Amino acid sequence: MDWLLTRLVVAVVAVALGGFVGYLAGHAAHVPVVGAVIGGAVGACLVVLADTLRGYRLTRWLSGSQEGQAPRDTGFWGEIGYRVERSIRLREKSMQTEQMRLAQFISAMEASPNGVLLLDEADQITWCNAMAANHFGLDPERDKRQRMTNLVRAPVFVAHLQAGVYGETLLIPDPRGRGTLSVLVRSYGDGLKLVLSQDVTERERSEAMRRDFVANVSHEIRTPLTVLAGFIETMNNLPLTEVERRRVLTLMSQQTQRMQTLVSDLLTLAQLEGGPRPPIDRWVPVAKLIGQAHADGASLSMGRHQFTVSEDTDAQIAGLESELMSAVGNLVTNAVRYTPEGGRIAVIWRRRDDGSGEITVSDTGIGVSREHIPRLTERFYRVDGSRSRETGGTGLGLSIVKHVVQRHGGELDVQSELGKGSSFSLVFPAARVRVPDSPASVDTKSSAVAEKVPR
């Protein structure tokens, strides 16, 4: 309260000083009392005038942008100006903090892997992040304040949004027909709604693959077991000649071998999925891989196909020899099985310009139509089930190949045309490919270095 005491003292001093000066002037005019009154009034007016000017300066500052400092006056108006300015600065700081928190919250929503969309009480869009815009095919700026049901017309979603009873997750088709969306609606505030979306296309696809996998395994094992059970019952109940008995045993052996092959491939897949990553310091010669695959393919072909191989390379691939051998061998085996007699099969190694390498197995076989290529590596997927069983395949070979090449950091590239053959390439990254220097080149480099060393 120091400013109040100071204000009173200044007013009293101004009036007293004015009255004293007026008294002196009035005494000279023989009216000292009148002079004192007039002088005191003039002093009071000067105090009021100074007070008014200070108040005017503060009012003008308040009516402006308040970016600069408040008028630095003493006394009452100075105290008011200081307190108002401090309050404004604290409010501005609080608003900046809240704006920063809001910006961080919006950034977090934008970074969310799920779609986040806000609707008002009339189901109009008030805000959405980029993922939600991508899921529903929206424009975050153009579609703001638009009714959600006018933009997303999936009947299930529209009915759920209008029902007003939320809680369960909906599966709706992507508005642009690219997959499946999982949508969850939650209400908050006064009629406001939060819509969360997630692209579950891959999950639905994996679930479908799992169901197909279980069904196919059951079918693949049930068929040979049914055959074996029938033959066993036949041998137990019917008298068979020696020739018939041998034929039955041969067929039983074939079905048993089929089940063993299936179980072996399933175990191989399980080991690939759960095993450690292949080493990066164990180098496998490419020539050895191609040579072994050629030998196995030629044995299976029994002279019915023409082979072209490139075994004269010095290149090496970092990884597990058994897995790489299995991948190349599966590709060559498939080429032999699906290439008619007299066809050509090539196993070629090529080093790319970027340092990566590829082993390509191509054939002039029956080929695969374009719509089947994306699903060729799915487990038990067969373009023609009857044809695959005739050739003795389990439907797991290309799945094994894909897992092997992915574990080695590469990819499987498939090119095929129906009736014109196929080409399967195992592409390995540059980090897993090397070509050791030959002894001659090493000697040449050593000599060049020796010549440069000063003596």
Protein backbone atom coordinates (compact mmCIF):
# COMPACT_ATOMS: atom_id res chain seq x y z
CA MET A 1 0.00 0.00 0.00
CA ASP A 2 3.01 2.36 -0.30
CA TRP A 3 1.56 3.82 -3.51
CA LEU A 4 -1.61 4.97 -1.61
CA LEU A 5 0.37 6.81 1.08
CA THR A 6 2.60 8.39 -1.56
CA ARG A 7 -0.48 9.45 -3.57
CA LEU A 8 -2.05 11.12 -0.49
CA VAL A 9 1.18 12.88 0.49
CA VAL A 10 1.67 14.24 -3.04
CA ALA A 11 -1.93 15.52 -3.16
CA VAL A 12 -1.62 17.21 0.26
CA VAL A 13 1.74 18.76 -0.59
CA ALA A 14 0.44 20.04 -3.95
CA VAL A 15 -2.63 21.64 -2.37
CA ALA A 16 -0.61 23.11 0.52
CA LEU A 17 2.07 24.46 -1.79
CA GLY A 18 -0.58 25.93 -4.11
CA GLY A 19 -2.40 27.48 -1.17
CA PHE A 20 0.84 28.95 0.19
CA VAL A 21 1.78 30.48 -3.17
CA GLY A 22 -1.79 31.79 -3.55
CA TYR A 23 -1.69 33.23 -0.07
CA LEU A 24 1.50 35.14 -0.85
CA ALA A 25 0.03 36.44 -4.08
CA GLY A 26 -3.27 37.33 -2.39
CA HIS A 27 -1.49 39.09 0.45
CA ALA A 28 0.13 41.43 -2.06
CA ALA A 29 -3.37 42.13 -3.43
CA HIS A 30 -4.80 42.46 0.11
CA VAL A 31 -6.93 39.28 -0.37
CA PRO A 32 -4.77 36.54 1.22
CA VAL A 33 -7.60 34.13 1.92
CA VAL A 34 -8.91 34.25 -1.62
CA GLY A 35 -5.40 33.78 -2.96
CA ALA A 36 -4.82 30.79 -0.70
CA VAL A 37 -8.06 29.15 -1.88
CA ILE A 38 -7.27 29.79 -5.53
CA GLY A 39 -3.72 28.53 -5.09
CA GLY A 40 -4.90 25.35 -3.36
CA ALA A 41 -7.42 24.77 -6.14
CA VAL A 42 -4.72 25.26 -8.79
CA GLY A 43 -2.51 22.75 -6.95
CA ALA A 44 -5.33 20.23 -6.81
CA CYS A 45 -6.02 20.75 -10.52
CA LEU A 46 -2.38 20.14 -11.36
CA VAL A 47 -2.46 16.86 -9.39
CA VAL A 48 -5.66 15.82 -11.15
CA LEU A 49 -4.19 16.77 -14.56
CA ALA A 50 -1.01 14.78 -13.95
CA ASP A 51 -3.13 11.86 -12.72
CA THR A 52 -5.32 12.07 -15.82
CA LEU A 53 -2.31 12.06 -18.16
CA ARG A 54 -0.92 8.96 -16.48
CA GLY A 55 -4.30 7.24 -16.70
CA TYR A 56 -4.60 8.22 -20.37
CA ARG A 57 -1.17 6.72 -21.20
CA LEU A 58 -2.10 3.45 -19.49
CA THR A 59 -5.51 3.35 -21.23
CA ARG A 60 -3.85 3.91 -24.62
CA TRP A 61 -1.39 1.08 -23.94
CA LEU A 62 -4.24 -1.24 -22.91
CA SER A 63 -6.22 -0.44 -26.05
CA GLY A 64 -3.22 -1.35 -28.21
CA SER A 65 -1.48 -4.69 -28.76
CA GLN A 66 0.29 -4.66 -25.36
CA GLU A 67 3.47 -5.87 -27.07
CA GLY A 68 5.68 -3.27 -25.43
CA GLN A 69 6.07 -2.38 -21.78
CA ALA A 70 3.36 -0.66 -19.83
CA PRO A 71 4.01 3.05 -18.94
CA ARG A 72 6.61 3.10 -16.19
CA ASP A 73 4.98 5.68 -13.90
CA THR A 74 5.29 5.94 -10.15
CA GLY A 75 2.45 5.72 -7.75
CA PHE A 76 -1.06 4.46 -8.39
CA TRP A 77 -1.04 4.27 -12.18
CA GLY A 78 2.43 2.76 -12.27
CA GLU A 79 1.30 0.01 -9.88
CA ILE A 80 -1.81 -0.71 -11.98
CA GLY A 81 0.24 -0.77 -15.21
CA TYR A 82 2.78 -3.17 -13.69
CA ARG A 83 0.11 -5.54 -12.37
CA VAL A 84 -1.86 -5.53 -15.66
CA GLU A 85 1.28 -6.14 -17.72
CA ARG A 86 2.35 -9.02 -15.49
CA SER A 87 -1.10 -10.57 -15.75
CA ILE A 88 -1.05 -10.27 -19.54
CA ARG A 89 2.45 -11.76 -19.79
CA LEU A 90 1.48 -14.67 -17.54
CA ARG A 91 -1.62 -15.31 -19.64
CA GLU A 92 0.43 -15.15 -22.86
CA LYS A 93 2.95 -17.58 -21.42
CA SER A 94 0.15 -19.91 -20.34
CA MET A 95 -1.41 -19.71 -23.81
CA GLN A 96 1.94 -20.46 -25.46
CA THR A 97 2.37 -23.46 -23.19
CA GLU A 98 -1.12 -24.71 -24.02
CA GLN A 99 -0.56 -24.12 -27.74
CA MET A 100 2.70 -26.05 -27.55
CA ARG A 101 0.97 -28.92 -25.76
CA LEU A 102 -1.82 -28.86 -28.35
CA ALA A 103 0.73 -28.90 -31.18
CA GLN A 104 2.54 -31.83 -29.53
CA PHE A 105 -0.76 -33.66 -29.09
CA ILE A 106 -1.68 -33.10 -32.74
CA SER A 107 1.81 -34.23 -33.80
CA ALA A 108 1.37 -37.38 -31.73
CA MET A 109 -2.00 -38.02 -33.39
CA GLU A 110 -0.41 -37.45 -36.79
CA ALA A 111 2.35 -39.92 -35.93
CA SER A 112 -0.16 -42.54 -34.80
CA PRO A 113 -0.21 -45.69 -36.97
CA ASN A 114 -4.01 -45.66 -36.61
CA GLY A 115 -6.47 -43.24 -38.13
CA VAL A 116 -7.97 -40.66 -35.75
CA LEU A 117 -11.05 -38.68 -36.80
CA LEU A 118 -13.20 -36.26 -34.76
CA LEU A 119 -16.89 -35.68 -35.48
CA ASP A 120 -19.24 -33.11 -34.01
CA GLU A 121 -22.82 -33.73 -32.86
CA ALA A 122 -24.03 -33.57 -36.51
CA ASP A 123 -21.45 -36.16 -37.65
CA GLN A 124 -19.46 -33.45 -39.40
CA ILE A 125 -15.68 -33.80 -39.60
CA THR A 126 -13.85 -31.37 -37.33
CA TRP A 127 -10.35 -32.87 -37.60
CA CYS A 128 -8.57 -35.97 -38.85
CA ASN A 129 -4.97 -37.10 -39.06
CA ALA A 130 -3.20 -38.12 -42.26
CA MET A 131 -3.72 -41.84 -41.61
CA ALA A 132 -7.49 -41.44 -41.27
CA ALA A 133 -7.55 -39.33 -44.43
CA ASN A 134 -5.68 -42.11 -46.22
CA HIS A 135 -7.99 -44.82 -44.84
CA PHE A 136 -11.23 -43.09 -45.78
CA GLY A 137 -10.01 -41.25 -48.87
CA LEU A 138 -10.50 -37.78 -47.33
CA ASP A 139 -8.89 -34.39 -47.79
CA PRO A 140 -8.17 -32.98 -44.28
CA GLU A 141 -8.83 -29.38 -45.40
CA ARG A 142 -11.40 -29.70 -48.17
CA ASP A 143 -13.61 -32.19 -46.32
CA LYS A 144 -13.65 -30.35 -42.99
CA ARG A 145 -17.21 -29.65 -41.80
CA GLN A 146 -18.55 -32.26 -44.23
CA ARG A 147 -20.89 -35.00 -43.00
CA MET A 148 -19.02 -38.25 -42.58
CA THR A 149 -21.93 -40.31 -43.91
CA ASN A 150 -21.84 -38.33 -47.17
CA LEU A 151 -18.21 -39.25 -47.75
CA VAL A 152 -18.08 -42.85 -46.46
CA ARG A 153 -21.13 -44.72 -47.72
CA ALA A 154 -20.47 -48.23 -46.42
CA PRO A 155 -23.97 -49.30 -45.24
CA VAL A 156 -22.67 -51.04 -42.12
CA PHE A 157 -20.67 -47.99 -41.05
CA VAL A 158 -23.51 -45.53 -41.76
CA ALA A 159 -26.02 -47.64 -39.82
CA HIS A 160 -23.62 -48.03 -36.89
CA LEU A 161 -22.87 -44.30 -36.77
CA GLN A 162 -26.56 -43.36 -36.86
CA ALA A 163 -27.60 -46.01 -34.31
CA GLY A 164 -25.79 -44.15 -31.52
CA VAL A 165 -24.83 -47.36 -29.69
CA TYR A 166 -21.08 -47.81 -29.93
CA GLY A 167 -18.73 -50.39 -28.50
CA GLU A 168 -18.03 -53.08 -31.04
CA THR A 169 -15.42 -52.95 -33.79
CA LEU A 170 -16.61 -52.87 -37.39
CA LEU A 171 -14.90 -54.34 -40.43
CA ILE A 172 -15.66 -52.35 -43.55
CA PRO A 173 -14.13 -52.35 -47.04
CA ASP A 174 -11.67 -49.64 -47.86
CA PRO A 175 -13.62 -46.87 -49.67
CA ARG A 176 -11.07 -47.08 -52.47
CA GLY A 177 -11.30 -50.85 -52.64
CA ARG A 178 -7.73 -51.54 -51.49
CA GLY A 179 -8.42 -53.74 -48.48
CA THR A 180 -10.25 -53.93 -45.14
CA LEU A 181 -10.55 -51.36 -42.35
CA SER A 182 -11.24 -51.96 -38.67
CA VAL A 183 -13.31 -49.03 -37.33
CA LEU A 184 -14.12 -48.23 -33.69
CA VAL A 185 -16.43 -45.34 -32.71
CA ARG A 186 -16.41 -43.77 -29.23
CA SER A 187 -18.61 -40.92 -27.96
CA TYR A 188 -17.29 -38.12 -25.73
CA GLY A 189 -18.28 -34.66 -24.62
CA ASP A 190 -21.70 -33.37 -25.66
CA GLY A 191 -22.57 -35.57 -28.64
CA LEU A 192 -19.03 -35.58 -30.06
CA LYS A 193 -17.55 -38.75 -31.55
CA LEU A 194 -14.07 -40.21 -31.92
CA VAL A 195 -13.53 -42.57 -34.86
CA LEU A 196 -10.45 -44.82 -34.78
CA SER A 197 -9.48 -46.74 -37.90
CA GLN A 198 -6.85 -49.36 -38.64
CA ASP A 199 -5.85 -51.08 -41.87
CA VAL A 200 -6.24 -54.80 -41.17
CA THR A 201 -5.80 -56.00 -44.74
CA GLU A 202 -2.58 -57.87 -43.96
CA ARG A 203 -4.02 -59.29 -40.74
CA GLU A 204 -7.12 -60.54 -42.56
CA ARG A 205 -4.92 -61.96 -45.27
CA SER A 206 -2.72 -63.70 -42.69
CA GLU A 207 -5.80 -65.06 -40.95
CA ALA A 208 -7.12 -66.38 -44.24
CA MET A 209 -3.74 -67.95 -44.95
CA ARG A 210 -3.75 -69.55 -41.50
CA ARG A 211 -7.19 -71.05 -42.09
CA ASP A 212 -6.14 -72.26 -45.50
CA PHE A 213 -2.95 -73.66 -44.01
CA VAL A 214 -4.79 -75.70 -41.38
CA ALA A 215 -7.31 -76.92 -43.93
CA ASN A 216 -4.62 -77.82 -46.45
CA VAL A 217 -2.45 -79.63 -43.92
CA SER A 218 -5.47 -81.62 -42.78
CA HIS A 219 -6.36 -82.44 -46.37
CA GLU A 220 -2.80 -83.30 -47.41
CA ILE A 221 -2.32 -85.67 -44.50
CA ARG A 222 -5.84 -87.14 -44.59
CA THR A 223 -5.52 -88.26 -48.22
CA PRO A 224 -2.48 -90.56 -47.82
CA LEU A 225 -3.76 -91.78 -44.44
CA THR A 226 -7.06 -92.75 -46.07
CA VAL A 227 -5.18 -94.60 -48.79
CA LEU A 228 -2.98 -96.40 -46.26
CA ALA A 229 -5.97 -97.35 -44.13
CA GLY A 230 -7.75 -98.75 -47.18
CA PHE A 231 -4.76 -100.82 -48.25
CA ILE A 232 -4.23 -102.16 -44.72
CA GLU A 233 -7.87 -103.17 -44.55
CA THR A 234 -7.55 -104.81 -47.96
CA MET A 235 -4.48 -106.81 -46.90
CA ASN A 236 -6.20 -107.91 -43.68
CA ASN A 237 -9.51 -108.97 -45.22
CA LEU A 238 -8.72 -110.19 -48.73
CA PRO A 239 -6.35 -112.91 -49.91
CA LEU A 240 -3.86 -111.30 -52.30
CA THR A 241 -1.48 -112.82 -54.77
CA GLU A 242 2.20 -112.01 -54.50
CA VAL A 243 1.96 -109.53 -57.39
CA GLU A 244 -1.03 -107.75 -55.85
CA ARG A 245 0.64 -107.64 -52.44
CA ARG A 246 3.78 -106.05 -53.92
CA ARG A 247 1.71 -103.49 -55.79
CA VAL A 248 -0.20 -102.60 -52.61
CA LEU A 249 3.03 -102.27 -50.63
CA THR A 250 4.52 -100.07 -53.36
CA LEU A 251 1.52 -97.73 -53.26
CA MET A 252 1.66 -97.67 -49.45
CA SER A 253 5.34 -96.78 -49.62
CA GLN A 254 4.60 -93.93 -52.01
CA GLN A 255 1.93 -92.49 -49.70
CA THR A 256 4.25 -92.83 -46.72
CA GLN A 257 7.00 -91.03 -48.62
CA ARG A 258 4.53 -88.29 -49.50
CA MET A 259 3.66 -87.74 -45.83
CA GLN A 260 7.35 -87.79 -44.86
CA THR A 261 8.11 -85.15 -47.49
CA LEU A 262 5.23 -83.01 -46.27
CA VAL A 263 6.31 -83.26 -42.62
CA SER A 264 9.92 -82.53 -43.59
CA ASP A 265 8.90 -79.36 -45.47
CA LEU A 266 6.73 -78.23 -42.56
CA LEU A 267 9.62 -78.72 -40.15
CA THR A 268 11.92 -76.80 -42.49
CA LEU A 269 9.49 -73.88 -42.54
CA ALA A 270 9.18 -73.95 -38.75
CA GLN A 271 12.98 -73.88 -38.39
CA LEU A 272 13.28 -70.99 -40.84
CA GLU A 273 10.68 -68.93 -39.01
CA GLY A 274 12.05 -69.55 -35.52
CA GLY A 275 15.78 -69.92 -36.18
CA PRO A 276 18.51 -67.28 -35.71
CA ARG A 277 19.56 -65.03 -38.56
CA PRO A 278 22.10 -66.53 -40.98
CA PRO A 279 25.72 -65.55 -40.24
CA ILE A 280 27.35 -62.80 -42.28
CA ASP A 281 30.89 -64.15 -41.97
CA ARG A 282 30.36 -67.64 -43.40
CA TRP A 283 30.85 -67.59 -47.16
CA VAL A 284 29.30 -70.15 -49.49
CA PRO A 285 30.65 -70.51 -53.08
CA VAL A 286 27.98 -69.79 -55.67
CA ALA A 287 29.51 -72.38 -58.00
CA LYS A 288 28.93 -75.07 -55.37
CA LEU A 289 25.27 -74.10 -55.00
CA ILE A 290 24.66 -74.11 -58.74
CA GLY A 291 26.64 -77.30 -59.27
CA GLN A 292 24.71 -79.24 -56.62
CA ALA A 293 21.36 -77.93 -57.89
CA HIS A 294 22.34 -78.89 -61.45
CA ALA A 295 23.30 -82.39 -60.37
CA ASP A 296 20.02 -82.90 -58.48
CA GLY A 297 18.00 -81.45 -61.35
CA ALA A 298 19.74 -83.61 -63.94
CA SER A 299 19.11 -86.71 -61.81
CA LEU A 300 15.41 -85.85 -61.55
CA SER A 301 15.19 -84.98 -65.26
CA MET A 302 16.87 -88.21 -66.43
CA GLY A 303 17.93 -86.62 -69.69
CA ARG A 304 14.54 -85.15 -70.61
CA HIS A 305 15.69 -81.51 -70.44
CA GLN A 306 18.58 -79.35 -71.65
CA PHE A 307 20.50 -77.58 -68.87
CA THR A 308 22.52 -74.37 -69.06
CA VAL A 309 24.49 -73.46 -65.95
CA SER A 310 27.16 -70.94 -64.98
CA GLU A 311 29.48 -72.76 -62.56
CA ASP A 312 32.67 -70.86 -63.43
CA THR A 313 32.05 -67.96 -61.08
CA ASP A 314 34.23 -67.15 -58.06
CA ALA A 315 31.45 -65.27 -56.29
CA GLN A 316 30.43 -66.13 -52.73
CA ILE A 317 27.30 -65.48 -50.66
CA ALA A 318 27.32 -64.99 -46.88
CA GLY A 319 24.87 -67.28 -45.11
CA LEU A 320 23.95 -70.88 -44.30
CA GLU A 321 24.91 -73.33 -47.01
CA SER A 322 22.07 -75.74 -46.19
CA GLU A 323 19.41 -73.05 -46.55
CA LEU A 324 20.85 -71.60 -49.74
CA MET A 325 21.20 -75.10 -51.21
CA SER A 326 17.56 -75.80 -50.33
CA ALA A 327 16.35 -72.60 -51.99
CA VAL A 328 18.24 -73.09 -55.26
CA GLY A 329 17.41 -76.80 -55.27
CA ASN A 330 13.68 -76.13 -54.86
CA LEU A 331 13.69 -73.73 -57.82
CA VAL A 332 15.51 -76.22 -60.06
CA THR A 333 13.22 -79.07 -58.96
CA ASN A 334 10.15 -76.99 -59.80
CA ALA A 335 11.62 -76.12 -63.19
CA VAL A 336 12.13 -79.82 -63.97
CA ARG A 337 8.63 -80.78 -62.80
CA TYR A 338 6.81 -78.10 -64.76
CA THR A 339 8.86 -78.12 -67.96
CA PRO A 340 7.77 -80.56 -70.67
CA GLU A 341 10.26 -83.04 -72.10
CA GLY A 342 12.75 -81.40 -74.43
CA GLY A 343 12.46 -78.03 -72.68
CA ARG A 344 15.40 -75.87 -71.57
CA ILE A 345 16.38 -74.99 -67.99
CA ALA A 346 19.03 -72.38 -67.11
CA VAL A 347 20.69 -71.68 -63.77
CA ILE A 348 22.61 -68.41 -64.09
CA TRP A 349 24.58 -66.23 -61.67
CA ARG A 350 24.79 -62.49 -62.34
CA ARG A 351 26.49 -59.67 -60.44
CA ARG A 352 24.54 -56.43 -60.56
CA ASP A 353 26.00 -52.96 -60.97
CA ASP A 354 25.14 -52.01 -57.38
CA GLY A 355 27.16 -54.92 -55.99
CA SER A 356 24.21 -57.20 -55.29
CA GLY A 357 23.91 -60.59 -56.96
CA GLU A 358 21.22 -62.92 -58.20
CA ILE A 359 20.82 -66.60 -58.98
CA THR A 360 18.20 -67.02 -61.69
CA VAL A 361 16.48 -70.28 -62.56
CA SER A 362 14.56 -69.97 -65.80
CA ASP A 363 12.72 -72.54 -67.90
CA THR A 364 10.62 -72.92 -71.03
CA GLY A 365 7.83 -74.70 -69.16
CA ILE A 366 4.11 -74.18 -68.90
CA GLY A 367 4.39 -70.86 -67.05
CA VAL A 368 1.95 -69.16 -64.71
CA SER A 369 -0.69 -66.56 -65.53
CA ARG A 370 -0.20 -63.08 -64.08
CA GLU A 371 -3.00 -63.20 -61.48
CA HIS A 372 -1.43 -66.19 -59.71
CA ILE A 373 2.10 -64.74 -59.34
CA PRO A 374 1.51 -62.70 -56.12
CA ARG A 375 0.25 -65.84 -54.31
CA LEU A 376 2.80 -68.37 -55.53
CA THR A 377 4.81 -68.22 -52.29
CA GLU A 378 1.80 -68.86 -50.06
CA ARG A 379 1.82 -72.20 -48.30
CA PHE A 380 -0.05 -74.92 -50.18
CA TYR A 381 -1.11 -72.48 -52.87
CA ARG A 382 -1.40 -74.32 -56.15
CA VAL A 383 -2.30 -72.93 -59.52
CA ASP A 384 -3.60 -76.37 -60.46
CA GLY A 385 -3.95 -78.76 -57.52
CA SER A 386 -4.24 -81.91 -59.60
CA ARG A 387 -1.18 -81.01 -61.68
CA SER A 388 0.87 -80.33 -58.53
CA ARG A 389 -0.01 -83.69 -57.01
CA GLU A 390 0.88 -85.48 -60.24
CA THR A 391 4.36 -83.95 -60.12
CA GLY A 392 4.82 -84.87 -56.46
CA GLY A 393 4.89 -81.35 -55.02
CA THR A 394 3.77 -80.46 -51.49
CA GLY A 395 2.93 -76.83 -52.20
CA LEU A 396 5.58 -75.63 -49.73
CA GLY A 397 8.66 -75.33 -51.95
CA LEU A 398 8.31 -71.68 -52.93
CA SER A 399 7.35 -70.76 -49.36
CA ILE A 400 10.66 -72.23 -48.22
CA VAL A 401 12.50 -70.36 -50.99
CA LYS A 402 10.91 -67.03 -49.98
CA HIS A 403 11.75 -67.52 -46.30
CA VAL A 404 15.36 -68.43 -47.08
CA VAL A 405 16.04 -65.44 -49.31
CA GLN A 406 14.33 -63.04 -46.88
CA ARG A 407 16.39 -64.39 -43.98
CA HIS A 408 19.48 -63.55 -46.05
CA GLY A 409 18.25 -59.99 -46.59
CA GLY A 410 17.21 -60.53 -50.19
CA GLU A 411 14.04 -61.00 -52.18
CA LEU A 412 12.47 -63.42 -54.63
CA ASP A 413 11.65 -61.97 -58.05
CA VAL A 414 9.17 -63.95 -60.16
CA GLN A 415 8.58 -63.41 -63.86
CA SER A 416 6.27 -65.78 -65.74
CA GLU A 417 3.96 -65.94 -68.70
CA LEU A 418 1.46 -68.67 -69.34
CA GLY A 419 2.75 -71.07 -71.98
CA LYS A 420 6.14 -69.32 -72.31
CA GLY A 421 8.02 -70.36 -69.20
CA SER A 422 9.07 -68.82 -65.89
CA SER A 423 12.05 -67.09 -64.31
CA PHE A 424 12.73 -67.14 -60.55
CA SER A 425 15.55 -64.94 -59.25
CA LEU A 426 17.10 -65.02 -55.77
CA VAL A 427 18.41 -61.47 -55.28
CA PHE A 428 21.00 -61.02 -52.50
CA PRO A 429 22.14 -57.62 -51.15
CA ALA A 430 25.66 -56.35 -51.80
CA ALA A 431 26.60 -56.82 -48.13
CA ARG A 432 26.22 -60.60 -48.55
CA VAL A 433 28.00 -60.90 -51.91
CA ARG A 434 31.73 -60.91 -52.58
CA VAL A 435 34.17 -62.00 -55.28
CA PRO A 436 37.54 -62.93 -53.73
CA ASP A 437 40.64 -61.78 -55.59
CA SER A 438 42.35 -64.45 -57.63
CA PRO A 439 45.97 -65.35 -56.72
CA ALA A 440 47.24 -63.69 -59.91
CA SER A 441 45.51 -60.42 -59.12
CA VAL A 442 46.74 -60.54 -55.54
CA ASP A 443 50.33 -61.00 -56.71
CA THR A 444 49.95 -58.13 -59.16
CA LYS A 445 48.62 -55.83 -56.44
CA SER A 446 51.40 -56.86 -54.05
CA SER A 447 54.05 -56.11 -56.68
CA ALA A 448 52.52 -52.70 -57.39
CA VAL A 449 52.53 -51.84 -53.72
CA ALA A 450 56.15 -53.00 -53.37
CA GLU A 451 57.23 -50.75 -56.24
CA LYS A 452 55.66 -47.73 -54.51
CA VAL A 453 57.47 -48.33 -51.19
CA PRO A 454 60.56 -46.08 -51.02
CA ARG A 455 63.81 -47.83 -50.42
